[in-house]
């Protein structure tokens, strides 16, 4: 019998038979949990498509809150972007207005300077026609800057005579004459405009 069992053609069917016999003898079907236990754990009632999981419900609620927060944040960012765009437009308008005012001001200043040059030339001719003593008396009543501007349009000989007459009036006027001379020396006015 051992020889018969050791034969390869017989040992394979014997193994299959023993496997099937042990499976049938020891097989036990697990009992399903009671419906009340399922109902408490997962709120299960009814068909499977009505299944409810509290963790999933909590995640869904959190996602809804997060979605509302993101939508509000997006709306705030859109409002901020619109406000920034409006401020950029206003700033561009103000900058353009300031630039135009600067251009107008520069034109006015140039016109005033041109008119002032003409007036200074006329005034220089008037002072050149006076005696140096009279011109020095009148000029001594002006501030140093005005005197320098007028002297720049006089010939050097006329300027020298007026400064000499101004210096002869006393020591304070001599100091003032020195200051005026220094300002004439430092002046950037070119002699070609005389």
N, C-alpha and C. Protein backbone atom coordinates (compact mmCIF):
# COMPACT_ATOMS: atom_id res chain seq x y z
N UNK A 1 0.81 -1.18 0.00
CA UNK A 1 0.00 0.00 0.00
C UNK A 1 0.86 1.26 0.00
N UNK A 2 1.98 1.18 0.63
CA UNK A 2 2.88 2.32 0.67
C UNK A 2 3.43 2.56 -0.73
N UNK A 3 3.66 1.51 -1.46
CA UNK A 3 4.14 1.68 -2.81
C UNK A 3 3.07 2.35 -3.67
N UNK A 4 1.86 1.97 -3.40
CA UNK A 4 0.75 2.53 -4.15
C UNK A 4 0.58 4.01 -3.83
N UNK A 5 0.73 4.38 -2.61
CA UNK A 5 0.61 5.79 -2.20
C UNK A 5 1.82 6.61 -2.66
N UNK A 6 2.95 5.99 -2.82
CA UNK A 6 4.14 6.70 -3.24
C UNK A 6 4.13 6.96 -4.74
N UNK A 7 3.25 6.33 -5.43
CA UNK A 7 3.18 6.53 -6.86
C UNK A 7 2.72 7.96 -7.17
N UNK A 8 3.40 8.67 -8.13
CA UNK A 8 3.06 10.08 -8.38
C UNK A 8 1.66 10.29 -8.94
N UNK A 9 1.12 9.39 -9.66
CA UNK A 9 -0.21 9.59 -10.23
C UNK A 9 -1.28 9.43 -9.18
N UNK A 10 -1.02 8.76 -8.15
CA UNK A 10 -2.01 8.56 -7.11
C UNK A 10 -1.86 9.58 -6.00
N UNK A 11 -0.69 10.09 -5.74
CA UNK A 11 -0.49 11.03 -4.63
C UNK A 11 -1.16 12.38 -4.90
N UNK A 12 -1.20 12.83 -6.12
CA UNK A 12 -1.81 14.12 -6.44
C UNK A 12 -3.32 14.07 -6.20
N UNK A 13 -4.06 13.07 -6.71
CA UNK A 13 -5.49 13.04 -6.41
C UNK A 13 -5.76 12.81 -4.94
N UNK A 14 -4.93 12.10 -4.24
CA UNK A 14 -5.14 11.89 -2.81
C UNK A 14 -4.98 13.22 -2.06
N UNK A 15 -4.03 14.03 -2.45
CA UNK A 15 -3.84 15.35 -1.81
C UNK A 15 -5.03 16.25 -2.04
N UNK A 16 -5.59 16.21 -3.24
CA UNK A 16 -6.76 17.04 -3.55
C UNK A 16 -7.95 16.57 -2.73
N UNK A 17 -8.13 15.26 -2.61
CA UNK A 17 -9.24 14.73 -1.84
C UNK A 17 -9.12 15.12 -0.37
N UNK A 18 -7.94 15.04 0.20
CA UNK A 18 -7.74 15.39 1.61
C UNK A 18 -7.99 16.90 1.81
N UNK A 19 -7.58 17.71 0.86
CA UNK A 19 -7.80 19.18 0.96
C UNK A 19 -9.29 19.50 0.96
N UNK A 20 -10.03 18.89 0.06
CA UNK A 20 -11.47 19.15 -0.04
C UNK A 20 -12.20 18.66 1.21
N UNK A 21 -11.81 17.50 1.72
CA UNK A 21 -12.43 16.95 2.91
C UNK A 21 -12.18 17.86 4.11
N UNK A 22 -10.98 18.36 4.28
CA UNK A 22 -10.68 19.22 5.44
C UNK A 22 -11.36 20.59 5.29
N UNK A 23 -11.50 21.07 4.08
CA UNK A 23 -12.19 22.34 3.86
C UNK A 23 -13.65 22.22 4.24
N UNK A 24 -14.31 21.16 3.84
CA UNK A 24 -15.73 20.96 4.15
C UNK A 24 -15.93 20.78 5.64
N UNK A 25 -15.06 20.05 6.30
CA UNK A 25 -15.21 19.80 7.72
C UNK A 25 -14.98 21.05 8.58
N UNK A 26 -14.04 21.86 8.21
CA UNK A 26 -13.69 23.02 9.06
C UNK A 26 -14.29 24.35 8.58
N UNK A 27 -15.00 24.36 7.54
CA UNK A 27 -15.58 25.61 7.00
C UNK A 27 -16.64 26.16 7.92
N UNK A 28 -16.49 27.50 8.27
CA UNK A 28 -17.52 28.17 9.06
C UNK A 28 -17.77 29.53 8.42
N UNK A 29 -19.02 29.83 8.17
CA UNK A 29 -19.39 31.11 7.59
C UNK A 29 -19.53 32.12 8.73
N UNK A 30 -18.85 33.31 8.64
CA UNK A 30 -18.99 34.28 9.73
C UNK A 30 -20.39 34.88 9.72
N UNK A 31 -20.87 35.12 10.92
CA UNK A 31 -22.20 35.69 11.04
C UNK A 31 -22.11 37.20 10.85
N UNK A 32 -23.07 37.79 10.14
CA UNK A 32 -23.04 39.24 9.96
C UNK A 32 -23.31 39.96 11.27
N UNK A 33 -22.69 41.18 11.48
CA UNK A 33 -22.94 41.90 12.72
C UNK A 33 -24.40 42.36 12.77
N UNK A 34 -24.90 42.53 13.94
CA UNK A 34 -26.30 42.96 14.04
C UNK A 34 -26.48 44.35 13.41
N UNK A 35 -27.67 44.64 12.88
CA UNK A 35 -27.96 45.90 12.20
C UNK A 35 -27.83 47.08 13.15
N UNK A 36 -28.09 46.89 14.39
CA UNK A 36 -28.00 48.00 15.36
C UNK A 36 -26.55 48.45 15.49
N UNK A 37 -25.61 47.54 15.49
CA UNK A 37 -24.20 47.90 15.61
C UNK A 37 -23.75 48.69 14.37
N UNK A 38 -24.19 48.27 13.19
CA UNK A 38 -23.87 48.99 11.97
C UNK A 38 -24.50 50.37 11.96
N UNK A 39 -25.71 50.43 12.46
CA UNK A 39 -26.44 51.70 12.46
C UNK A 39 -25.71 52.72 13.33
N UNK A 40 -25.20 52.32 14.48
CA UNK A 40 -24.49 53.24 15.38
C UNK A 40 -23.13 53.64 14.83
N UNK A 41 -22.44 52.72 14.19
CA UNK A 41 -21.08 53.01 13.74
C UNK A 41 -21.07 53.91 12.52
N UNK A 42 -21.92 53.67 11.56
CA UNK A 42 -21.84 54.40 10.30
C UNK A 42 -23.15 55.07 9.90
N UNK A 43 -24.08 55.15 10.76
CA UNK A 43 -25.40 55.72 10.46
C UNK A 43 -26.02 55.03 9.24
N UNK A 44 -25.86 53.74 9.21
CA UNK A 44 -26.33 52.99 8.06
C UNK A 44 -27.80 52.66 8.25
N UNK A 45 -28.58 53.10 7.32
CA UNK A 45 -29.99 52.70 7.32
C UNK A 45 -30.46 52.72 5.88
N UNK A 46 -30.95 51.69 5.46
CA UNK A 46 -31.47 51.62 4.12
C UNK A 46 -30.45 51.09 3.14
N UNK A 47 -30.63 51.43 1.86
CA UNK A 47 -29.75 50.89 0.83
C UNK A 47 -28.33 51.43 0.95
N UNK A 48 -27.42 50.82 0.25
CA UNK A 48 -25.99 51.15 0.36
C UNK A 48 -25.68 52.55 -0.13
N UNK A 49 -26.47 53.09 -1.03
CA UNK A 49 -26.18 54.44 -1.52
C UNK A 49 -26.54 55.51 -0.50
N UNK A 50 -27.21 55.15 0.56
CA UNK A 50 -27.50 56.09 1.65
C UNK A 50 -26.50 55.96 2.78
N UNK A 51 -25.40 55.27 2.52
CA UNK A 51 -24.37 55.05 3.54
C UNK A 51 -23.79 56.39 3.98
N UNK A 52 -23.56 56.56 5.27
CA UNK A 52 -23.03 57.81 5.81
C UNK A 52 -21.90 57.50 6.77
N UNK A 53 -20.75 58.17 6.55
CA UNK A 53 -19.59 58.01 7.41
C UNK A 53 -19.34 59.35 8.09
N UNK A 54 -19.28 59.41 9.42
CA UNK A 54 -19.09 60.70 10.11
C UNK A 54 -17.77 61.36 9.76
N UNK A 55 -16.72 60.61 9.54
CA UNK A 55 -15.44 61.20 9.17
C UNK A 55 -15.52 61.85 7.80
N UNK A 56 -16.18 61.17 6.87
CA UNK A 56 -16.35 61.73 5.53
C UNK A 56 -17.22 62.97 5.59
N UNK A 57 -18.28 62.91 6.41
CA UNK A 57 -19.14 64.09 6.56
C UNK A 57 -18.36 65.27 7.14
N UNK A 58 -17.50 65.01 8.10
CA UNK A 58 -16.69 66.07 8.69
C UNK A 58 -15.72 66.65 7.66
N UNK A 59 -15.09 65.80 6.87
CA UNK A 59 -14.18 66.27 5.82
C UNK A 59 -14.92 67.12 4.79
N UNK A 60 -16.13 66.69 4.42
CA UNK A 60 -16.92 67.45 3.46
C UNK A 60 -17.27 68.81 4.03
N UNK A 61 -17.66 68.86 5.30
CA UNK A 61 -17.99 70.13 5.94
C UNK A 61 -16.77 71.05 5.99
N UNK A 62 -15.60 70.49 6.32
CA UNK A 62 -14.38 71.29 6.35
C UNK A 62 -14.02 71.80 4.97
N UNK A 63 -14.21 70.98 3.95
CA UNK A 63 -13.92 71.40 2.57
C UNK A 63 -14.87 72.52 2.14
N UNK A 64 -16.14 72.44 2.55
CA UNK A 64 -17.08 73.51 2.22
C UNK A 64 -16.68 74.81 2.88
N UNK A 65 -16.27 74.75 4.15
CA UNK A 65 -15.82 75.95 4.86
C UNK A 65 -14.57 76.52 4.18
N UNK A 66 -13.64 75.65 3.82
CA UNK A 66 -12.41 76.09 3.15
C UNK A 66 -12.73 76.72 1.80
N UNK A 67 -13.68 76.13 1.09
CA UNK A 67 -14.08 76.67 -0.21
C UNK A 67 -14.67 78.07 -0.07
N UNK A 68 -15.53 78.26 0.94
CA UNK A 68 -16.09 79.59 1.17
C UNK A 68 -14.99 80.59 1.52
N UNK A 69 -14.03 80.15 2.33
CA UNK A 69 -12.92 81.02 2.71
C UNK A 69 -12.09 81.41 1.48
N UNK A 70 -11.83 80.44 0.61
CA UNK A 70 -11.06 80.72 -0.61
C UNK A 70 -11.83 81.65 -1.52
N UNK A 71 -13.14 81.46 -1.63
CA UNK A 71 -13.95 82.34 -2.47
C UNK A 71 -13.94 83.77 -1.92
N UNK A 72 -14.07 83.91 -0.59
CA UNK A 72 -14.01 85.25 0.01
C UNK A 72 -12.66 85.88 -0.21
N UNK A 73 -11.62 85.11 -0.05
CA UNK A 73 -10.26 85.62 -0.25
C UNK A 73 -10.07 86.06 -1.71
N UNK A 74 -10.58 85.26 -2.64
CA UNK A 74 -10.50 85.63 -4.05
C UNK A 74 -11.27 86.90 -4.34
N UNK A 75 -12.43 87.04 -3.74
CA UNK A 75 -13.23 88.26 -3.93
C UNK A 75 -12.49 89.48 -3.36
N UNK A 76 -11.88 89.32 -2.18
CA UNK A 76 -11.11 90.42 -1.59
C UNK A 76 -9.93 90.79 -2.48
N UNK A 77 -9.25 89.78 -3.03
CA UNK A 77 -8.11 90.05 -3.90
C UNK A 77 -8.56 90.75 -5.18
N UNK A 78 -9.72 90.36 -5.72
CA UNK A 78 -10.25 91.02 -6.92
C UNK A 78 -10.58 92.48 -6.61
N UNK A 79 -11.19 92.73 -5.45
CA UNK A 79 -11.51 94.11 -5.06
C UNK A 79 -10.23 94.93 -4.88
N UNK A 80 -9.23 94.33 -4.26
CA UNK A 80 -7.96 95.02 -4.07
C UNK A 80 -7.29 95.33 -5.40
N UNK A 81 -7.34 94.37 -6.33
CA UNK A 81 -6.75 94.60 -7.65
C UNK A 81 -7.47 95.73 -8.37
N UNK A 82 -8.80 95.77 -8.26
CA UNK A 82 -9.57 96.85 -8.90
C UNK A 82 -9.23 98.19 -8.27
N UNK A 83 -9.11 98.21 -6.95
CA UNK A 83 -8.76 99.46 -6.25
C UNK A 83 -7.37 99.93 -6.64
N UNK A 84 -6.42 98.98 -6.73
CA UNK A 84 -5.06 99.34 -7.13
C UNK A 84 -5.03 99.88 -8.56
N UNK A 85 -5.82 99.29 -9.44
CA UNK A 85 -5.88 99.77 -10.82
C UNK A 85 -6.43 101.19 -10.86
N UNK A 86 -7.50 101.44 -10.08
CA UNK A 86 -8.06 102.79 -10.03
C UNK A 86 -7.05 103.79 -9.49
N UNK A 87 -6.31 103.40 -8.47
CA UNK A 87 -5.30 104.30 -7.90
C UNK A 87 -4.16 104.54 -8.89
N UNK A 88 -3.81 103.52 -9.67
CA UNK A 88 -2.78 103.71 -10.69
C UNK A 88 -3.24 104.72 -11.73
N UNK A 89 -4.49 104.60 -12.13
CA UNK A 89 -5.04 105.54 -13.12
C UNK A 89 -5.04 106.95 -12.55
N UNK A 90 -5.50 107.09 -11.29
CA UNK A 90 -5.51 108.41 -10.65
C UNK A 90 -4.09 108.97 -10.53
N UNK A 91 -3.16 108.11 -10.13
CA UNK A 91 -1.77 108.54 -9.98
C UNK A 91 -1.19 108.97 -11.32
N UNK A 92 -1.52 108.24 -12.38
CA UNK A 92 -1.04 108.61 -13.71
C UNK A 92 -1.63 109.97 -14.12
N UNK A 93 -2.90 110.20 -13.81
CA UNK A 93 -3.52 111.48 -14.14
C UNK A 93 -2.87 112.61 -13.36
N UNK A 94 -2.64 112.39 -12.06
CA UNK A 94 -2.01 113.42 -11.24
C UNK A 94 -0.59 113.69 -11.72
N UNK A 95 0.14 112.64 -12.05
CA UNK A 95 1.50 112.80 -12.54
C UNK A 95 1.51 113.58 -13.85
N UNK A 96 0.55 113.27 -14.72
CA UNK A 96 0.47 113.98 -15.99
C UNK A 96 0.13 115.46 -15.75
N UNK A 97 -0.78 115.72 -14.82
CA UNK A 97 -1.15 117.10 -14.50
C UNK A 97 0.05 117.85 -13.93
N UNK A 98 0.78 117.21 -13.02
CA UNK A 98 1.96 117.85 -12.42
C UNK A 98 3.00 118.12 -13.50
N UNK A 99 3.18 117.18 -14.41
CA UNK A 99 4.15 117.37 -15.50
C UNK A 99 3.73 118.56 -16.37
N UNK A 100 2.44 118.63 -16.68
CA UNK A 100 1.97 119.75 -17.51
C UNK A 100 2.14 121.07 -16.77
N UNK A 101 1.85 121.08 -15.47
CA UNK A 101 2.06 122.30 -14.68
C UNK A 101 3.53 122.69 -14.66
N UNK A 102 4.42 121.69 -14.55
CA UNK A 102 5.86 121.96 -14.54
C UNK A 102 6.29 122.56 -15.88
N UNK A 103 5.77 122.00 -16.97
CA UNK A 103 6.11 122.53 -18.30
C UNK A 103 5.62 123.97 -18.42
N UNK A 104 4.37 124.22 -17.99
CA UNK A 104 3.82 125.58 -18.06
C UNK A 104 4.64 126.54 -17.19
N UNK A 105 5.03 126.07 -15.99
CA UNK A 105 5.82 126.90 -15.10
C UNK A 105 7.18 127.23 -15.71
N UNK A 106 7.81 126.19 -16.29
CA UNK A 106 9.11 126.41 -16.92
C UNK A 106 9.01 127.43 -18.06
N UNK A 107 7.94 127.33 -18.86
CA UNK A 107 7.74 128.31 -19.93
C UNK A 107 7.57 129.70 -19.36
N UNK A 108 6.80 129.82 -18.26
CA UNK A 108 6.59 131.12 -17.63
C UNK A 108 7.89 131.69 -17.08
N UNK A 109 8.68 130.81 -16.45
CA UNK A 109 9.96 131.26 -15.90
C UNK A 109 10.88 131.73 -17.01
N UNK A 110 10.94 130.98 -18.11
CA UNK A 110 11.78 131.40 -19.23
C UNK A 110 11.30 132.74 -19.81
N UNK A 111 9.98 132.90 -19.90
CA UNK A 111 9.44 134.15 -20.42
C UNK A 111 9.79 135.30 -19.48
N UNK A 112 9.65 135.06 -18.15
CA UNK A 112 10.00 136.10 -17.18
C UNK A 112 11.48 136.41 -17.26
N UNK A 113 12.32 135.36 -17.40
CA UNK A 113 13.76 135.60 -17.49
C UNK A 113 14.09 136.40 -18.75
N UNK A 114 13.43 136.06 -19.85
CA UNK A 114 13.66 136.80 -21.09
C UNK A 114 13.24 138.27 -20.92
N UNK A 115 12.09 138.47 -20.30
CA UNK A 115 11.61 139.83 -20.06
C UNK A 115 12.54 140.56 -19.08
N UNK A 116 13.03 139.82 -18.08
CA UNK A 116 13.93 140.43 -17.10
C UNK A 116 15.23 140.86 -17.77
N UNK A 117 15.73 140.05 -18.68
CA UNK A 117 16.97 140.41 -19.38
C UNK A 117 16.76 141.71 -20.14
N UNK A 118 15.64 141.82 -20.82
CA UNK A 118 15.35 143.05 -21.55
C UNK A 118 15.24 144.24 -20.61
N UNK A 119 14.57 144.04 -19.49
CA UNK A 119 14.43 145.12 -18.51
C UNK A 119 15.77 145.50 -17.90
N UNK A 120 16.61 144.50 -17.61
CA UNK A 120 17.92 144.78 -17.04
C UNK A 120 18.80 145.55 -18.02
N UNK A 121 18.70 145.21 -19.28
CA UNK A 121 19.48 145.95 -20.30
C UNK A 121 19.04 147.41 -20.36
N UNK A 122 17.72 147.64 -20.31
CA UNK A 122 17.21 149.02 -20.32
C UNK A 122 17.69 149.77 -19.09
N UNK A 123 17.59 149.11 -17.92
CA UNK A 123 18.01 149.74 -16.67
C UNK A 123 19.50 150.06 -16.71
N UNK A 124 20.31 149.14 -17.28
CA UNK A 124 21.75 149.36 -17.38
C UNK A 124 22.04 150.58 -18.24
N UNK A 125 21.28 150.77 -19.30
CA UNK A 125 21.47 151.95 -20.15
C UNK A 125 21.12 153.22 -19.38
N UNK A 126 20.08 153.15 -18.55
CA UNK A 126 19.69 154.32 -17.74
C UNK A 126 20.81 154.68 -16.78
N UNK A 127 21.34 153.65 -16.06
CA UNK A 127 22.41 153.93 -15.09
C UNK A 127 23.70 154.36 -15.79
N UNK A 128 23.93 153.86 -17.00
CA UNK A 128 25.12 154.27 -17.76
C UNK A 128 25.01 155.73 -18.15
N UNK A 129 23.78 156.22 -18.34
CA UNK A 129 23.58 157.61 -18.70
C UNK A 129 23.72 158.56 -17.51
N UNK A 130 23.67 158.06 -16.30
CA UNK A 130 23.81 158.89 -15.09
C UNK A 130 25.28 159.10 -14.79
N UNK A 131 25.53 160.05 -13.91
CA UNK A 131 26.90 160.20 -13.41
C UNK A 131 27.16 159.05 -12.45
N UNK A 132 28.42 158.66 -12.30
CA UNK A 132 28.73 157.54 -11.41
C UNK A 132 28.26 157.79 -9.98
N UNK A 133 28.33 159.04 -9.48
CA UNK A 133 27.93 159.33 -8.11
C UNK A 133 26.42 159.15 -7.95
N UNK A 134 25.64 159.62 -8.92
CA UNK A 134 24.18 159.48 -8.85
C UNK A 134 23.78 158.02 -8.96
N UNK A 135 24.40 157.29 -9.88
CA UNK A 135 24.11 155.87 -10.04
C UNK A 135 24.47 155.11 -8.77
N UNK A 136 25.61 155.46 -8.13
CA UNK A 136 26.02 154.80 -6.90
C UNK A 136 25.03 155.09 -5.78
N UNK A 137 24.51 156.33 -5.72
CA UNK A 137 23.54 156.70 -4.68
C UNK A 137 22.26 155.88 -4.84
N UNK A 138 21.79 155.73 -6.07
CA UNK A 138 20.56 154.96 -6.31
C UNK A 138 20.79 153.48 -6.04
N UNK A 139 21.89 152.97 -6.54
CA UNK A 139 22.19 151.54 -6.37
C UNK A 139 22.42 151.18 -4.91
N UNK A 140 22.91 152.09 -4.10
CA UNK A 140 23.18 151.77 -2.70
C UNK A 140 21.90 151.47 -1.94
N UNK A 141 20.75 151.88 -2.48
CA UNK A 141 19.47 151.60 -1.83
C UNK A 141 18.92 150.22 -2.20
N UNK A 142 19.56 149.55 -3.16
CA UNK A 142 19.10 148.22 -3.61
C UNK A 142 19.86 147.12 -2.88
N UNK A 143 19.34 145.89 -2.98
CA UNK A 143 20.07 144.75 -2.41
C UNK A 143 21.19 144.36 -3.35
N UNK A 144 22.18 143.64 -2.82
CA UNK A 144 23.39 143.29 -3.58
C UNK A 144 23.08 142.49 -4.83
N UNK A 145 22.13 141.58 -4.77
CA UNK A 145 21.82 140.73 -5.93
C UNK A 145 21.30 141.57 -7.10
N UNK A 146 20.44 142.51 -6.80
CA UNK A 146 19.92 143.38 -7.87
C UNK A 146 21.03 144.22 -8.48
N UNK A 147 21.91 144.73 -7.62
CA UNK A 147 23.04 145.55 -8.11
C UNK A 147 23.91 144.71 -9.05
N UNK A 148 24.21 143.49 -8.65
CA UNK A 148 25.06 142.62 -9.46
C UNK A 148 24.41 142.37 -10.82
N UNK A 149 23.10 142.08 -10.83
CA UNK A 149 22.41 141.83 -12.11
C UNK A 149 22.49 143.03 -13.04
N UNK A 150 22.37 144.24 -12.48
CA UNK A 150 22.44 145.46 -13.32
C UNK A 150 23.87 145.69 -13.80
N UNK A 151 24.84 145.51 -12.90
CA UNK A 151 26.24 145.76 -13.26
C UNK A 151 26.72 144.81 -14.36
N UNK A 152 26.13 143.64 -14.45
CA UNK A 152 26.53 142.68 -15.48
C UNK A 152 26.23 143.19 -16.89
N UNK A 153 25.28 144.09 -17.02
CA UNK A 153 24.91 144.61 -18.33
C UNK A 153 25.57 145.97 -18.64
N UNK A 154 26.41 146.44 -17.74
CA UNK A 154 27.16 147.68 -17.98
C UNK A 154 28.52 147.34 -18.55
N UNK A 155 29.12 148.31 -19.22
CA UNK A 155 30.50 148.14 -19.69
C UNK A 155 31.42 148.19 -18.47
N UNK A 156 32.62 147.61 -18.62
CA UNK A 156 33.55 147.54 -17.49
C UNK A 156 33.93 148.92 -16.98
N UNK A 157 34.11 149.86 -17.87
CA UNK A 157 34.49 151.21 -17.42
C UNK A 157 33.36 151.85 -16.63
N UNK A 158 32.13 151.64 -17.04
CA UNK A 158 30.97 152.19 -16.32
C UNK A 158 30.82 151.50 -14.97
N UNK A 159 31.02 150.20 -14.93
CA UNK A 159 30.93 149.45 -13.68
C UNK A 159 32.01 149.92 -12.71
N UNK A 160 33.22 150.11 -13.21
CA UNK A 160 34.33 150.55 -12.35
C UNK A 160 34.03 151.92 -11.75
N UNK A 161 33.51 152.83 -12.55
CA UNK A 161 33.23 154.19 -12.05
C UNK A 161 32.14 154.15 -10.98
N UNK A 162 31.08 153.35 -11.18
CA UNK A 162 29.99 153.27 -10.19
C UNK A 162 30.48 152.62 -8.91
N UNK A 163 31.28 151.53 -9.01
CA UNK A 163 31.79 150.86 -7.81
C UNK A 163 32.73 151.79 -7.04
N UNK A 164 33.52 152.58 -7.76
CA UNK A 164 34.42 153.54 -7.11
C UNK A 164 33.60 154.58 -6.34
N UNK A 165 32.55 155.11 -6.97
CA UNK A 165 31.71 156.11 -6.30
C UNK A 165 31.01 155.49 -5.10
N UNK A 166 30.60 154.24 -5.19
CA UNK A 166 29.93 153.55 -4.09
C UNK A 166 30.89 153.32 -2.93
N UNK A 167 32.15 152.96 -3.24
CA UNK A 167 33.14 152.68 -2.20
C UNK A 167 33.55 153.95 -1.47
N UNK A 168 33.47 155.13 -2.09
CA UNK A 168 33.89 156.38 -1.47
C UNK A 168 32.91 156.86 -0.40
N UNK A 169 31.75 156.21 -0.25
CA UNK A 169 30.74 156.65 0.69
C UNK A 169 31.08 156.29 2.14
N UNK A 170 32.09 155.52 2.39
CA UNK A 170 32.48 155.17 3.75
C UNK A 170 32.90 153.71 3.83
N UNK A 171 33.35 153.33 5.04
CA UNK A 171 33.87 151.97 5.24
C UNK A 171 32.80 150.90 5.06
N UNK A 172 31.56 151.05 5.60
CA UNK A 172 30.55 149.99 5.37
C UNK A 172 30.23 149.82 3.89
N UNK A 173 30.18 150.93 3.16
CA UNK A 173 29.88 150.84 1.73
C UNK A 173 31.06 150.25 0.97
N UNK A 174 32.28 150.47 1.46
CA UNK A 174 33.46 149.87 0.82
C UNK A 174 33.42 148.35 0.97
N UNK A 175 33.02 147.86 2.17
CA UNK A 175 32.88 146.42 2.36
C UNK A 175 31.79 145.85 1.45
N UNK A 176 30.69 146.59 1.37
CA UNK A 176 29.59 146.16 0.51
C UNK A 176 30.05 146.12 -0.95
N UNK A 177 30.83 147.10 -1.36
CA UNK A 177 31.36 147.15 -2.72
C UNK A 177 32.25 145.94 -2.99
N UNK A 178 33.03 145.53 -2.00
CA UNK A 178 33.88 144.34 -2.14
C UNK A 178 33.03 143.09 -2.32
N UNK A 179 31.96 143.00 -1.53
CA UNK A 179 31.05 141.84 -1.66
C UNK A 179 30.41 141.82 -3.05
N UNK A 180 29.97 142.99 -3.51
CA UNK A 180 29.35 143.08 -4.84
C UNK A 180 30.35 142.69 -5.92
N UNK A 181 31.59 143.13 -5.76
CA UNK A 181 32.64 142.80 -6.74
C UNK A 181 32.87 141.29 -6.78
N UNK A 182 32.87 140.69 -5.61
CA UNK A 182 33.06 139.23 -5.53
C UNK A 182 31.89 138.51 -6.21
N UNK A 183 30.69 138.98 -6.00
CA UNK A 183 29.52 138.37 -6.63
C UNK A 183 29.55 138.54 -8.15
N UNK A 184 30.03 139.70 -8.61
CA UNK A 184 30.15 139.92 -10.06
C UNK A 184 31.19 138.95 -10.63
N UNK A 185 32.28 138.76 -9.89
CA UNK A 185 33.33 137.84 -10.34
C UNK A 185 32.80 136.40 -10.43
N UNK A 186 31.98 136.00 -9.47
CA UNK A 186 31.46 134.63 -9.43
C UNK A 186 30.24 134.43 -10.32
N UNK A 187 29.74 135.49 -10.89
CA UNK A 187 28.53 135.39 -11.70
C UNK A 187 28.78 134.55 -12.93
N UNK A 188 27.75 133.76 -13.30
CA UNK A 188 27.88 132.88 -14.48
C UNK A 188 27.37 133.57 -15.74
N UNK A 189 26.97 134.82 -15.62
CA UNK A 189 26.44 135.56 -16.76
C UNK A 189 27.57 135.81 -17.76
N UNK A 190 27.31 135.51 -19.01
CA UNK A 190 28.38 135.68 -20.01
C UNK A 190 28.39 137.10 -20.53
N UNK A 191 29.54 137.54 -20.89
CA UNK A 191 29.70 138.93 -21.36
C UNK A 191 29.19 139.11 -22.78
N UNK A 192 28.80 138.02 -23.45
CA UNK A 192 28.32 138.13 -24.82
C UNK A 192 26.90 138.70 -24.88
N UNK A 193 26.19 138.75 -23.74
CA UNK A 193 24.82 139.27 -23.76
C UNK A 193 24.77 140.77 -23.55
N UNK A 194 25.93 141.43 -23.44
CA UNK A 194 25.95 142.88 -23.17
C UNK A 194 25.57 143.65 -24.38
